[in-house]
Amino acid sequence: MKIGIIGAGNIGANAAKLFVKAGHEIAIANSRGAETLKDLVAELGENAQAVSIEEAAKFSEIVFISIPFGKYQTLPPNAFDSKIVVDSNNYYPDRDGSFTELDENKTTSSEMLAEHLRGARIVKGFNTIWFEHLKTQGDMSLPSEERRAIFIASDDAEAKKTVARLIEEIGFAAVDTGDLRDGGATQQPDTAIYNRNLTASEAQAILGSEGGY
């Protein structure tokens, strides 16, 4: 699969390493330009390239967005039409500035991203896991229920299934929290599942559902 990654911080860079290891092709971009990514691309190997944000979107079947939420409006809104977009961002007011609609729980950050990237198929995911755990806890030898959970939410069932398969391919278990409104809210900071080291079975018990793939 061809995967674009926008944002090469702790989550984006470590996700790129896992995707390459699983046999996928990667195009990675950031706000500072491809030249700043040459060391990471060299580490990732021949299945990775550094490109612009627009090129990463065009290249990819799935685009993994890992930038500060406060910068989401800098993304070109028409570049992601029909693409599956994994939104790993979180809203942190101290970093991102205040968004009244989020502070008043009128919407979620992923719904705001979906409104900005109207043609994209948004899947919330990878936002509840610490990057060190993302780096080290994937384990293909474990059955799904014993693997570390990565939560996903989306209004698009087929996009959610595609991202779930990708999560399984890197040794984690996808656990479904629902749609972007309720599921996205469940995955936000300071919730019961945020930044907790949970297996899929533990996560499902907390959610009180049989979500997962």
N, C-alpha and C. Protein backbone atom coordinates (compact mmCIF):
# COMPACT_ATOMS: atom_id res chain seq x y z
N MET A 1 0.83 -1.19 0.00
CA MET A 1 0.00 0.00 0.00
C MET A 1 0.88 1.25 0.00
N LYS A 2 0.40 2.30 -0.62
CA LYS A 2 1.11 3.57 -0.62
C LYS A 2 0.53 4.48 0.46
N ILE A 3 1.40 4.91 1.36
CA ILE A 3 0.96 5.69 2.52
C ILE A 3 1.70 7.01 2.55
N GLY A 4 0.95 8.09 2.65
CA GLY A 4 1.54 9.41 2.86
C GLY A 4 1.54 9.75 4.33
N ILE A 5 2.59 10.39 4.78
CA ILE A 5 2.67 10.82 6.17
C ILE A 5 2.98 12.31 6.19
N ILE A 6 2.11 13.07 6.81
CA ILE A 6 2.29 14.51 6.91
C ILE A 6 2.56 14.85 8.37
N GLY A 7 3.79 15.24 8.63
CA GLY A 7 4.24 15.47 9.99
C GLY A 7 5.22 14.38 10.38
N ALA A 8 6.44 14.77 10.68
CA ALA A 8 7.50 13.79 10.95
C ALA A 8 8.00 13.89 12.39
N GLY A 9 7.07 14.17 13.30
CA GLY A 9 7.41 14.19 14.72
C GLY A 9 7.43 12.78 15.29
N ASN A 10 7.23 12.68 16.59
CA ASN A 10 7.37 11.38 17.26
C ASN A 10 6.39 10.34 16.74
N ILE A 11 5.14 10.71 16.56
CA ILE A 11 4.16 9.75 16.07
C ILE A 11 4.35 9.48 14.58
N GLY A 12 4.47 10.53 13.78
CA GLY A 12 4.60 10.36 12.34
C GLY A 12 5.83 9.57 11.94
N ALA A 13 6.97 9.88 12.52
CA ALA A 13 8.22 9.20 12.17
C ALA A 13 8.18 7.73 12.59
N ASN A 14 7.67 7.45 13.77
CA ASN A 14 7.62 6.06 14.22
C ASN A 14 6.58 5.26 13.47
N ALA A 15 5.47 5.88 13.10
CA ALA A 15 4.50 5.19 12.25
C ALA A 15 5.13 4.86 10.90
N ALA A 16 5.89 5.79 10.34
CA ALA A 16 6.55 5.55 9.06
C ALA A 16 7.46 4.33 9.14
N LYS A 17 8.22 4.21 10.22
CA LYS A 17 9.12 3.06 10.38
C LYS A 17 8.35 1.75 10.42
N LEU A 18 7.23 1.75 11.13
CA LEU A 18 6.42 0.53 11.22
C LEU A 18 5.79 0.18 9.87
N PHE A 19 5.32 1.18 9.14
CA PHE A 19 4.69 0.91 7.85
C PHE A 19 5.70 0.38 6.84
N VAL A 20 6.89 0.94 6.83
CA VAL A 20 7.93 0.44 5.93
C VAL A 20 8.30 -1.00 6.29
N LYS A 21 8.44 -1.26 7.56
CA LYS A 21 8.77 -2.62 8.02
C LYS A 21 7.71 -3.62 7.59
N ALA A 22 6.45 -3.17 7.53
CA ALA A 22 5.35 -4.03 7.11
C ALA A 22 5.24 -4.17 5.60
N GLY A 23 6.12 -3.50 4.85
CA GLY A 23 6.17 -3.67 3.41
C GLY A 23 5.49 -2.60 2.59
N HIS A 24 5.10 -1.50 3.21
CA HIS A 24 4.41 -0.43 2.49
C HIS A 24 5.38 0.61 1.96
N GLU A 25 4.93 1.35 0.96
CA GLU A 25 5.70 2.47 0.41
C GLU A 25 5.25 3.76 1.09
N ILE A 26 6.23 4.61 1.41
CA ILE A 26 5.96 5.80 2.20
C ILE A 26 6.40 7.05 1.45
N ALA A 27 5.54 8.07 1.47
CA ALA A 27 5.92 9.42 1.05
C ALA A 27 5.68 10.33 2.24
N ILE A 28 6.72 10.98 2.73
CA ILE A 28 6.62 11.75 3.97
C ILE A 28 6.87 13.22 3.70
N ALA A 29 6.11 14.06 4.39
CA ALA A 29 6.19 15.51 4.18
C ALA A 29 6.07 16.21 5.52
N ASN A 30 6.62 17.42 5.56
CA ASN A 30 6.41 18.28 6.73
C ASN A 30 6.32 19.72 6.28
N SER A 31 6.19 20.63 7.22
CA SER A 31 6.01 22.04 6.88
C SER A 31 7.32 22.72 6.52
N ARG A 32 8.45 22.06 6.77
CA ARG A 32 9.76 22.69 6.58
C ARG A 32 10.45 22.28 5.28
N GLY A 33 9.87 21.35 4.55
CA GLY A 33 10.42 20.98 3.26
C GLY A 33 11.14 19.64 3.27
N ALA A 34 11.20 19.04 2.08
CA ALA A 34 11.75 17.69 1.93
C ALA A 34 13.20 17.59 2.36
N GLU A 35 13.97 18.66 2.19
CA GLU A 35 15.39 18.61 2.53
C GLU A 35 15.60 18.29 4.00
N THR A 36 14.68 18.72 4.86
CA THR A 36 14.83 18.49 6.30
C THR A 36 14.53 17.04 6.69
N LEU A 37 14.06 16.24 5.74
CA LEU A 37 13.68 14.86 6.03
C LEU A 37 14.67 13.84 5.48
N LYS A 38 15.80 14.30 4.95
CA LYS A 38 16.70 13.39 4.26
C LYS A 38 17.28 12.33 5.19
N ASP A 39 17.56 12.68 6.44
CA ASP A 39 18.11 11.69 7.36
C ASP A 39 17.08 10.62 7.70
N LEU A 40 15.84 11.03 7.92
CA LEU A 40 14.79 10.07 8.21
C LEU A 40 14.54 9.15 7.02
N VAL A 41 14.51 9.72 5.83
CA VAL A 41 14.28 8.92 4.63
C VAL A 41 15.42 7.92 4.42
N ALA A 42 16.64 8.35 4.69
CA ALA A 42 17.79 7.44 4.58
C ALA A 42 17.64 6.28 5.56
N GLU A 43 17.16 6.57 6.75
CA GLU A 43 16.93 5.51 7.74
C GLU A 43 15.81 4.58 7.31
N LEU A 44 14.77 5.12 6.69
CA LEU A 44 13.63 4.31 6.28
C LEU A 44 13.95 3.41 5.10
N GLY A 45 14.87 3.83 4.23
CA GLY A 45 15.28 2.98 3.13
C GLY A 45 14.60 3.29 1.81
N GLU A 46 14.75 2.36 0.88
CA GLU A 46 14.38 2.62 -0.52
C GLU A 46 12.87 2.72 -0.73
N ASN A 47 12.07 2.28 0.20
CA ASN A 47 10.62 2.39 0.05
C ASN A 47 10.05 3.67 0.63
N ALA A 48 10.92 4.64 0.89
CA ALA A 48 10.47 5.93 1.44
C ALA A 48 11.03 7.07 0.61
N GLN A 49 10.27 8.15 0.54
CA GLN A 49 10.72 9.35 -0.15
C GLN A 49 10.18 10.58 0.57
N ALA A 50 10.92 11.66 0.49
CA ALA A 50 10.48 12.94 1.06
C ALA A 50 9.90 13.79 -0.05
N VAL A 51 8.73 14.35 0.19
CA VAL A 51 8.00 15.09 -0.84
C VAL A 51 7.29 16.28 -0.20
N SER A 52 6.55 17.02 -1.02
CA SER A 52 5.70 18.09 -0.49
C SER A 52 4.40 17.50 0.06
N ILE A 53 3.65 18.31 0.78
CA ILE A 53 2.37 17.84 1.32
C ILE A 53 1.43 17.43 0.20
N GLU A 54 1.35 18.25 -0.84
CA GLU A 54 0.47 17.92 -1.97
C GLU A 54 0.92 16.63 -2.65
N GLU A 55 2.21 16.45 -2.80
CA GLU A 55 2.72 15.23 -3.43
C GLU A 55 2.45 14.00 -2.57
N ALA A 56 2.56 14.15 -1.27
CA ALA A 56 2.27 13.02 -0.37
C ALA A 56 0.82 12.59 -0.50
N ALA A 57 -0.07 13.56 -0.58
CA ALA A 57 -1.49 13.24 -0.73
C ALA A 57 -1.77 12.57 -2.07
N LYS A 58 -1.18 13.09 -3.13
CA LYS A 58 -1.41 12.53 -4.47
C LYS A 58 -0.87 11.11 -4.58
N PHE A 59 0.26 10.84 -3.95
CA PHE A 59 0.94 9.55 -4.02
C PHE A 59 0.14 8.44 -3.35
N SER A 60 -0.65 8.77 -2.34
CA SER A 60 -1.07 7.80 -1.34
C SER A 60 -2.49 7.28 -1.50
N GLU A 61 -2.69 6.07 -0.99
CA GLU A 61 -4.02 5.53 -0.78
C GLU A 61 -4.54 5.93 0.60
N ILE A 62 -3.64 5.96 1.56
CA ILE A 62 -3.95 6.42 2.91
C ILE A 62 -2.99 7.55 3.25
N VAL A 63 -3.50 8.61 3.84
CA VAL A 63 -2.66 9.72 4.29
C VAL A 63 -2.77 9.81 5.82
N PHE A 64 -1.63 9.78 6.46
CA PHE A 64 -1.53 9.80 7.92
C PHE A 64 -1.13 11.22 8.32
N ILE A 65 -2.02 11.92 9.01
CA ILE A 65 -1.76 13.31 9.38
C ILE A 65 -1.40 13.39 10.86
N SER A 66 -0.20 13.90 11.12
CA SER A 66 0.29 14.01 12.49
C SER A 66 0.96 15.37 12.67
N ILE A 67 0.13 16.40 12.71
CA ILE A 67 0.60 17.77 12.91
C ILE A 67 -0.15 18.36 14.10
N PRO A 68 0.34 19.43 14.71
CA PRO A 68 -0.43 20.06 15.78
C PRO A 68 -1.82 20.44 15.27
N PHE A 69 -2.84 20.13 16.05
CA PHE A 69 -4.21 20.40 15.60
C PHE A 69 -4.40 21.86 15.20
N GLY A 70 -3.78 22.78 15.90
CA GLY A 70 -3.95 24.20 15.61
C GLY A 70 -3.52 24.61 14.22
N LYS A 71 -2.79 23.74 13.53
CA LYS A 71 -2.32 24.04 12.17
C LYS A 71 -3.13 23.31 11.10
N TYR A 72 -4.25 22.70 11.47
CA TYR A 72 -4.96 21.87 10.49
C TYR A 72 -5.45 22.68 9.29
N GLN A 73 -5.73 23.97 9.48
CA GLN A 73 -6.23 24.78 8.37
C GLN A 73 -5.15 25.14 7.36
N THR A 74 -3.89 24.82 7.66
CA THR A 74 -2.83 25.02 6.68
C THR A 74 -2.80 23.91 5.63
N LEU A 75 -3.51 22.82 5.87
CA LEU A 75 -3.55 21.73 4.90
C LEU A 75 -4.37 22.15 3.69
N PRO A 76 -3.89 21.87 2.47
CA PRO A 76 -4.64 22.24 1.27
C PRO A 76 -5.94 21.46 1.19
N PRO A 77 -7.09 22.11 1.23
CA PRO A 77 -8.35 21.40 1.43
C PRO A 77 -8.76 20.49 0.29
N ASN A 78 -8.29 20.74 -0.92
CA ASN A 78 -8.72 19.92 -2.05
C ASN A 78 -7.74 18.81 -2.40
N ALA A 79 -6.64 18.71 -1.67
CA ALA A 79 -5.59 17.74 -2.02
C ALA A 79 -5.93 16.33 -1.56
N PHE A 80 -6.95 16.18 -0.71
CA PHE A 80 -7.21 14.89 -0.08
C PHE A 80 -8.52 14.27 -0.52
N ASP A 81 -9.10 14.78 -1.60
CA ASP A 81 -10.38 14.26 -2.08
C ASP A 81 -10.29 12.76 -2.33
N SER A 82 -11.23 12.02 -1.76
CA SER A 82 -11.39 10.56 -1.88
C SER A 82 -10.32 9.76 -1.14
N LYS A 83 -9.37 10.43 -0.52
CA LYS A 83 -8.32 9.72 0.21
C LYS A 83 -8.80 9.33 1.61
N ILE A 84 -8.33 8.18 2.08
CA ILE A 84 -8.50 7.84 3.49
C ILE A 84 -7.47 8.63 4.28
N VAL A 85 -7.92 9.41 5.23
CA VAL A 85 -7.04 10.26 6.03
C VAL A 85 -7.11 9.82 7.48
N VAL A 86 -5.99 9.38 8.01
CA VAL A 86 -5.90 9.01 9.42
C VAL A 86 -5.52 10.26 10.21
N ASP A 87 -6.39 10.65 11.10
CA ASP A 87 -6.19 11.85 11.92
C ASP A 87 -5.66 11.44 13.29
N SER A 88 -4.36 11.65 13.50
CA SER A 88 -3.75 11.28 14.78
C SER A 88 -3.59 12.48 15.71
N ASN A 89 -4.24 13.57 15.37
CA ASN A 89 -4.06 14.81 16.12
C ASN A 89 -4.92 14.86 17.39
N ASN A 90 -4.48 15.65 18.34
CA ASN A 90 -5.25 15.96 19.53
C ASN A 90 -5.31 17.47 19.72
N TYR A 91 -6.38 17.90 20.35
CA TYR A 91 -6.55 19.33 20.67
C TYR A 91 -6.01 19.60 22.06
N TYR A 92 -4.95 20.41 22.10
CA TYR A 92 -4.37 20.86 23.37
C TYR A 92 -4.42 22.38 23.37
N PRO A 93 -5.34 23.00 24.11
CA PRO A 93 -5.49 24.46 24.06
C PRO A 93 -4.22 25.23 24.37
N ASP A 94 -3.39 24.74 25.28
CA ASP A 94 -2.16 25.45 25.61
C ASP A 94 -1.22 25.54 24.42
N ARG A 95 -1.26 24.55 23.55
CA ARG A 95 -0.41 24.52 22.36
C ARG A 95 -1.11 25.11 21.15
N ASP A 96 -2.38 24.76 20.97
CA ASP A 96 -3.10 25.06 19.73
C ASP A 96 -3.88 26.36 19.76
N GLY A 97 -4.00 26.97 20.93
CA GLY A 97 -4.92 28.09 21.07
C GLY A 97 -6.32 27.57 21.34
N SER A 98 -7.21 28.45 21.72
CA SER A 98 -8.55 28.05 22.11
C SER A 98 -9.49 28.01 20.91
N PHE A 99 -10.24 26.93 20.79
CA PHE A 99 -11.31 26.79 19.80
C PHE A 99 -12.62 26.66 20.58
N THR A 100 -13.45 27.69 20.51
CA THR A 100 -14.65 27.74 21.34
C THR A 100 -15.56 26.54 21.12
N GLU A 101 -15.72 26.12 19.86
CA GLU A 101 -16.62 25.02 19.57
C GLU A 101 -16.15 23.72 20.21
N LEU A 102 -14.84 23.56 20.38
CA LEU A 102 -14.31 22.39 21.08
C LEU A 102 -14.43 22.55 22.59
N ASP A 103 -14.13 23.73 23.07
CA ASP A 103 -14.22 23.98 24.51
C ASP A 103 -15.64 23.79 25.03
N GLU A 104 -16.62 24.07 24.17
CA GLU A 104 -18.03 23.93 24.56
C GLU A 104 -18.62 22.58 24.13
N ASN A 105 -17.75 21.67 23.66
CA ASN A 105 -18.15 20.31 23.28
C ASN A 105 -19.24 20.29 22.20
N LYS A 106 -19.17 21.25 21.28
CA LYS A 106 -20.14 21.30 20.19
C LYS A 106 -19.72 20.42 19.01
N THR A 107 -18.47 20.05 18.96
CA THR A 107 -17.95 19.22 17.89
C THR A 107 -16.67 18.57 18.39
N THR A 108 -16.01 17.82 17.51
CA THR A 108 -14.72 17.22 17.84
C THR A 108 -13.67 17.72 16.86
N SER A 109 -12.42 17.55 17.23
CA SER A 109 -11.34 18.01 16.36
C SER A 109 -11.35 17.28 15.03
N SER A 110 -11.71 16.00 15.03
CA SER A 110 -11.76 15.25 13.77
C SER A 110 -12.90 15.71 12.88
N GLU A 111 -14.02 16.11 13.47
CA GLU A 111 -15.10 16.66 12.66
C GLU A 111 -14.69 17.99 12.04
N MET A 112 -13.91 18.77 12.77
CA MET A 112 -13.42 20.03 12.21
C MET A 112 -12.46 19.77 11.06
N LEU A 113 -11.61 18.75 11.20
CA LEU A 113 -10.72 18.38 10.10
C LEU A 113 -11.53 17.89 8.91
N ALA A 114 -12.56 17.10 9.16
CA ALA A 114 -13.41 16.60 8.08
C ALA A 114 -14.12 17.74 7.36
N GLU A 115 -14.51 18.76 8.09
CA GLU A 115 -15.14 19.92 7.47
C GLU A 115 -14.15 20.67 6.58
N HIS A 116 -12.90 20.72 7.00
CA HIS A 116 -11.86 21.41 6.22
C HIS A 116 -11.47 20.59 4.99
N LEU A 117 -11.34 19.28 5.15
CA LEU A 117 -10.96 18.38 4.05
C LEU A 117 -12.22 17.65 3.59
N ARG A 118 -13.14 18.36 2.98
CA ARG A 118 -14.50 17.85 2.76
C ARG A 118 -14.56 16.59 1.93
N GLY A 119 -13.64 16.39 1.01
CA GLY A 119 -13.70 15.20 0.18
C GLY A 119 -12.97 14.01 0.76
N ALA A 120 -12.34 14.17 1.91
CA ALA A 120 -11.54 13.10 2.51
C ALA A 120 -12.41 12.15 3.33
N ARG A 121 -11.89 10.95 3.53
CA ARG A 121 -12.56 9.92 4.33
C ARG A 121 -11.80 9.81 5.65
N ILE A 122 -12.25 10.54 6.65
CA ILE A 122 -11.49 10.72 7.88
C ILE A 122 -11.68 9.54 8.83
N VAL A 123 -10.55 9.04 9.34
CA VAL A 123 -10.55 8.03 10.39
C VAL A 123 -9.69 8.56 11.54
N LYS A 124 -10.30 8.73 12.70
CA LYS A 124 -9.54 9.12 13.88
C LYS A 124 -8.77 7.90 14.37
N GLY A 125 -7.47 8.07 14.64
CA GLY A 125 -6.69 6.94 15.13
C GLY A 125 -5.27 7.32 15.46
N PHE A 126 -4.62 6.49 16.24
CA PHE A 126 -3.22 6.67 16.64
C PHE A 126 -3.02 7.88 17.56
N ASN A 127 -4.09 8.46 18.05
CA ASN A 127 -3.96 9.67 18.87
C ASN A 127 -3.93 9.40 20.36
N THR A 128 -4.22 8.16 20.76
CA THR A 128 -4.27 7.85 22.20
C THR A 128 -3.04 7.11 22.69
N ILE A 129 -2.10 6.82 21.81
CA ILE A 129 -0.95 5.99 22.17
C ILE A 129 0.32 6.84 22.24
N TRP A 130 1.10 6.65 23.29
CA TRP A 130 2.39 7.33 23.45
C TRP A 130 3.35 6.82 22.38
N PHE A 131 4.17 7.72 21.84
CA PHE A 131 5.03 7.32 20.72
C PHE A 131 6.00 6.21 21.10
N GLU A 132 6.47 6.18 22.35
CA GLU A 132 7.38 5.11 22.76
C GLU A 132 6.67 3.75 22.73
N HIS A 133 5.39 3.74 23.07
CA HIS A 133 4.63 2.49 22.99
C HIS A 133 4.35 2.12 21.54
N LEU A 134 4.08 3.10 20.71
CA LEU A 134 3.92 2.82 19.28
C LEU A 134 5.19 2.20 18.71
N LYS A 135 6.32 2.69 19.15
CA LYS A 135 7.61 2.21 18.68
C LYS A 135 7.88 0.76 19.09
N THR A 136 7.44 0.38 20.28
CA THR A 136 7.91 -0.88 20.87
C THR A 136 6.86 -1.95 21.11
N GLN A 137 5.58 -1.62 21.11
CA GLN A 137 4.60 -2.59 21.61
C GLN A 137 3.86 -3.38 20.54
N GLY A 138 4.09 -3.12 19.27
CA GLY A 138 3.49 -3.94 18.25
C GLY A 138 4.07 -5.35 18.30
N ASP A 139 3.20 -6.36 18.26
CA ASP A 139 3.67 -7.75 18.40
C ASP A 139 2.80 -8.66 17.54
N MET A 140 3.34 -9.04 16.39
CA MET A 140 2.60 -9.88 15.47
C MET A 140 2.36 -11.29 16.02
N SER A 141 3.13 -11.70 17.02
CA SER A 141 3.00 -13.06 17.54
C SER A 141 1.78 -13.24 18.45
N LEU A 142 1.20 -12.15 18.91
CA LEU A 142 0.08 -12.22 19.84
C LEU A 142 -1.25 -12.31 19.11
N PRO A 143 -2.23 -13.00 19.69
CA PRO A 143 -3.59 -12.93 19.14
C PRO A 143 -4.14 -11.52 19.32
N SER A 144 -5.10 -11.16 18.50
CA SER A 144 -5.58 -9.78 18.49
C SER A 144 -6.03 -9.29 19.85
N GLU A 145 -6.72 -10.15 20.61
CA GLU A 145 -7.26 -9.69 21.89
C GLU A 145 -6.18 -9.37 22.92
N GLU A 146 -4.95 -9.89 22.69
CA GLU A 146 -3.85 -9.65 23.63
C GLU A 146 -2.92 -8.53 23.15
N ARG A 147 -3.15 -8.02 21.97
CA ARG A 147 -2.29 -6.96 21.44
C ARG A 147 -2.67 -5.60 22.04
N ARG A 148 -1.72 -4.68 22.01
CA ARG A 148 -1.99 -3.31 22.45
C ARG A 148 -3.04 -2.71 21.53
N ALA A 149 -4.01 -2.05 22.12
CA ALA A 149 -5.11 -1.46 21.37
C ALA A 149 -4.72 -0.12 20.76
N ILE A 150 -5.13 0.07 19.51
CA ILE A 150 -5.14 1.38 18.87
C ILE A 150 -6.58 1.66 18.47
N PHE A 151 -7.11 2.76 18.95
CA PHE A 151 -8.53 3.07 18.77
C PHE A 151 -8.77 3.80 17.45
N ILE A 152 -9.91 3.50 16.84
CA ILE A 152 -10.29 4.16 15.59
C ILE A 152 -11.76 4.57 15.64
N ALA A 153 -12.06 5.67 14.97
CA ALA A 153 -13.44 6.16 14.85
C ALA A 153 -13.61 6.78 13.47
N SER A 154 -14.77 6.58 12.87
CA SER A 154 -15.01 7.15 11.54
C SER A 154 -16.49 7.08 11.20
N ASP A 155 -16.91 7.94 10.29
CA ASP A 155 -18.25 7.86 9.70
C ASP A 155 -18.26 6.98 8.46
N ASP A 156 -17.09 6.50 8.04
CA ASP A 156 -16.92 5.73 6.81
C ASP A 156 -16.49 4.31 7.19
N ALA A 157 -17.41 3.36 7.09
CA ALA A 157 -17.14 1.99 7.55
C ALA A 157 -16.02 1.33 6.76
N GLU A 158 -15.99 1.53 5.45
CA GLU A 158 -14.96 0.89 4.63
C GLU A 158 -13.58 1.48 4.92
N ALA A 159 -13.51 2.79 5.09
CA ALA A 159 -12.24 3.42 5.44
C ALA A 159 -11.75 2.89 6.79
N LYS A 160 -12.66 2.73 7.72
CA LYS A 160 -12.31 2.22 9.04
C LYS A 160 -11.73 0.80 8.93
N LYS A 161 -12.32 -0.03 8.09
CA LYS A 161 -11.82 -1.40 7.90
C LYS A 161 -10.41 -1.39 7.31
N THR A 162 -10.17 -0.50 6.37
CA THR A 162 -8.84 -0.42 5.75
C THR A 162 -7.79 -0.02 6.79
N VAL A 163 -8.10 0.96 7.61
CA VAL A 163 -7.16 1.39 8.64
C VAL A 163 -6.98 0.30 9.69
N ALA A 164 -8.05 -0.42 10.01
CA ALA A 164 -7.95 -1.52 10.97
C ALA A 164 -6.98 -2.59 10.47
N ARG A 165 -7.04 -2.91 9.18
CA ARG A 165 -6.11 -3.89 8.62
C ARG A 165 -4.67 -3.41 8.73
N LEU A 166 -4.46 -2.13 8.46
CA LEU A 166 -3.12 -1.56 8.57
C LEU A 166 -2.61 -1.67 10.01
N ILE A 167 -3.46 -1.40 10.97
CA ILE A 167 -3.08 -1.50 12.38
C ILE A 167 -2.69 -2.93 12.72
N GLU A 168 -3.47 -3.90 12.23
CA GLU A 168 -3.15 -5.30 12.49
C GLU A 168 -1.81 -5.68 11.87
N GLU A 169 -1.50 -5.13 10.70
CA GLU A 169 -0.26 -5.47 10.00
C GLU A 169 0.99 -5.01 10.74
N ILE A 170 0.86 -4.04 11.65
CA ILE A 170 2.02 -3.57 12.40
C ILE A 170 2.01 -4.08 13.84
N GLY A 171 1.18 -5.09 14.10
CA GLY A 171 1.25 -5.79 15.38
C GLY A 171 0.38 -5.27 16.49
N PHE A 172 -0.57 -4.40 16.17
CA PHE A 172 -1.49 -3.87 17.16
C PHE A 172 -2.90 -4.40 16.87
N ALA A 173 -3.85 -4.03 17.70
CA ALA A 173 -5.25 -4.41 17.50
C ALA A 173 -6.09 -3.15 17.36
N ALA A 174 -6.91 -3.10 16.32
CA ALA A 174 -7.81 -1.97 16.12
C ALA A 174 -9.07 -2.16 16.94
N VAL A 175 -9.42 -1.15 17.71
CA VAL A 175 -10.64 -1.19 18.52
C VAL A 175 -11.51 0.00 18.11
N ASP A 176 -12.72 -0.31 17.70
CA ASP A 176 -13.65 0.67 17.12
C ASP A 176 -14.41 1.40 18.23
N THR A 177 -14.31 2.74 18.23
CA THR A 177 -15.06 3.52 19.22
C THR A 177 -16.32 4.16 18.65
N GLY A 178 -16.57 3.98 17.34
CA GLY A 178 -17.80 4.51 16.77
C GLY A 178 -17.57 5.54 15.69
N ASP A 179 -18.48 6.51 15.59
CA ASP A 179 -18.39 7.53 14.56
C ASP A 179 -17.50 8.69 15.02
N LEU A 180 -17.32 9.67 14.14
CA LEU A 180 -16.43 10.78 14.47
C LEU A 180 -16.94 11.60 15.64
N ARG A 181 -18.26 11.73 15.78
CA ARG A 181 -18.79 12.54 16.88
C ARG A 181 -18.58 11.84 18.22
N ASP A 182 -19.23 10.71 18.42
CA ASP A 182 -19.16 10.05 19.72
C ASP A 182 -17.85 9.29 19.91
N GLY A 183 -17.43 8.59 18.86
CA GLY A 183 -16.17 7.86 18.95
C GLY A 183 -14.98 8.78 19.07
N GLY A 184 -15.02 9.87 18.30
CA GLY A 184 -13.94 10.84 18.40
C GLY A 184 -13.86 11.46 19.78
N ALA A 185 -15.01 11.74 20.37
CA ALA A 185 -15.03 12.29 21.73
C ALA A 185 -14.48 11.30 22.73
N THR A 186 -14.77 10.01 22.52
CA THR A 186 -14.27 8.97 23.41
C THR A 186 -12.75 8.90 23.42
N GLN A 187 -12.12 9.28 22.30
CA GLN A 187 -10.67 9.18 22.16
C GLN A 187 -9.92 10.45 22.56
N GLN A 188 -10.63 11.46 22.99
CA GLN A 188 -9.97 12.73 23.29
C GLN A 188 -9.13 12.65 24.56
N PRO A 189 -8.18 13.58 24.74
CA PRO A 189 -7.40 13.63 25.98
C PRO A 189 -8.30 13.66 27.22
N ASP A 190 -7.79 13.04 28.28
CA ASP A 190 -8.46 13.00 29.59
C ASP A 190 -9.70 12.11 29.61
N THR A 191 -9.82 11.20 28.66
CA THR A 191 -10.90 10.22 28.69
C THR A 191 -10.38 8.90 29.25
N ALA A 192 -11.27 7.93 29.41
CA ALA A 192 -10.91 6.66 30.06
C ALA A 192 -9.91 5.83 29.28
N ILE A 193 -9.80 6.07 27.97
CA ILE A 193 -8.89 5.25 27.16
C ILE A 193 -7.67 6.02 26.67
N TYR A 194 -7.61 7.29 26.96
CA TYR A 194 -6.52 8.11 26.42
C TYR A 194 -5.20 7.81 27.13
N ASN A 195 -4.17 7.51 26.33
CA ASN A 195 -2.82 7.29 26.83
C ASN A 195 -2.76 6.21 27.91
N ARG A 196 -3.58 5.18 27.73
CA ARG A 196 -3.55 4.04 28.65
C ARG A 196 -3.04 2.81 27.92
N ASN A 197 -2.24 2.04 28.60
CA ASN A 197 -1.63 0.85 28.03
C ASN A 197 -2.62 -0.31 28.16
N LEU A 198 -3.46 -0.46 27.14
CA LEU A 198 -4.56 -1.42 27.19
C LEU A 198 -4.45 -2.44 26.08
N THR A 199 -4.72 -3.70 26.39
CA THR A 199 -4.91 -4.69 25.34
C THR A 199 -6.29 -4.48 24.73
N ALA A 200 -6.51 -5.14 23.60
CA ALA A 200 -7.82 -5.01 22.95
C ALA A 200 -8.94 -5.48 23.85
N SER A 201 -8.75 -6.60 24.55
CA SER A 201 -9.81 -7.10 25.42
C SER A 201 -10.05 -6.15 26.59
N GLU A 202 -9.00 -5.58 27.16
CA GLU A 202 -9.17 -4.60 28.23
C GLU A 202 -9.89 -3.36 27.74
N ALA A 203 -9.52 -2.92 26.53
CA ALA A 203 -10.15 -1.73 25.96
C ALA A 203 -11.63 -1.95 25.72
N GLN A 204 -11.97 -3.11 25.17
CA GLN A 204 -13.38 -3.40 24.90
C GLN A 204 -14.19 -3.48 26.18
N ALA A 205 -13.58 -3.98 27.25
CA ALA A 205 -14.28 -4.02 28.54
C ALA A 205 -14.56 -2.62 29.05
N ILE A 206 -13.61 -1.71 28.87
CA ILE A 206 -13.81 -0.33 29.30
C ILE A 206 -14.90 0.34 28.46
N LEU A 207 -14.86 0.08 27.18
CA LEU A 207 -15.85 0.69 26.28
C LEU A 207 -17.23 0.07 26.44
N GLY A 208 -17.28 -1.14 27.00
CA GLY A 208 -18.56 -1.81 27.17
C GLY A 208 -19.16 -2.26 25.86
N SER A 209 -18.28 -2.64 24.91
CA SER A 209 -18.76 -3.03 23.60
C SER A 209 -17.90 -4.16 23.07
N GLU A 210 -18.27 -4.62 21.91
CA GLU A 210 -17.47 -5.63 21.21
C GLU A 210 -16.80 -5.01 20.00
N GLY A 211 -16.45 -3.74 20.08
CA GLY A 211 -15.77 -3.07 18.98
C GLY A 211 -14.46 -3.74 18.67
N GLY A 212 -14.03 -3.64 17.43
CA GLY A 212 -12.74 -4.21 17.05
C GLY A 212 -12.88 -5.01 15.77
N TYR A 213 -11.75 -5.39 15.21
CA TYR A 213 -11.75 -6.14 13.96
C TYR A 213 -10.83 -7.34 14.10
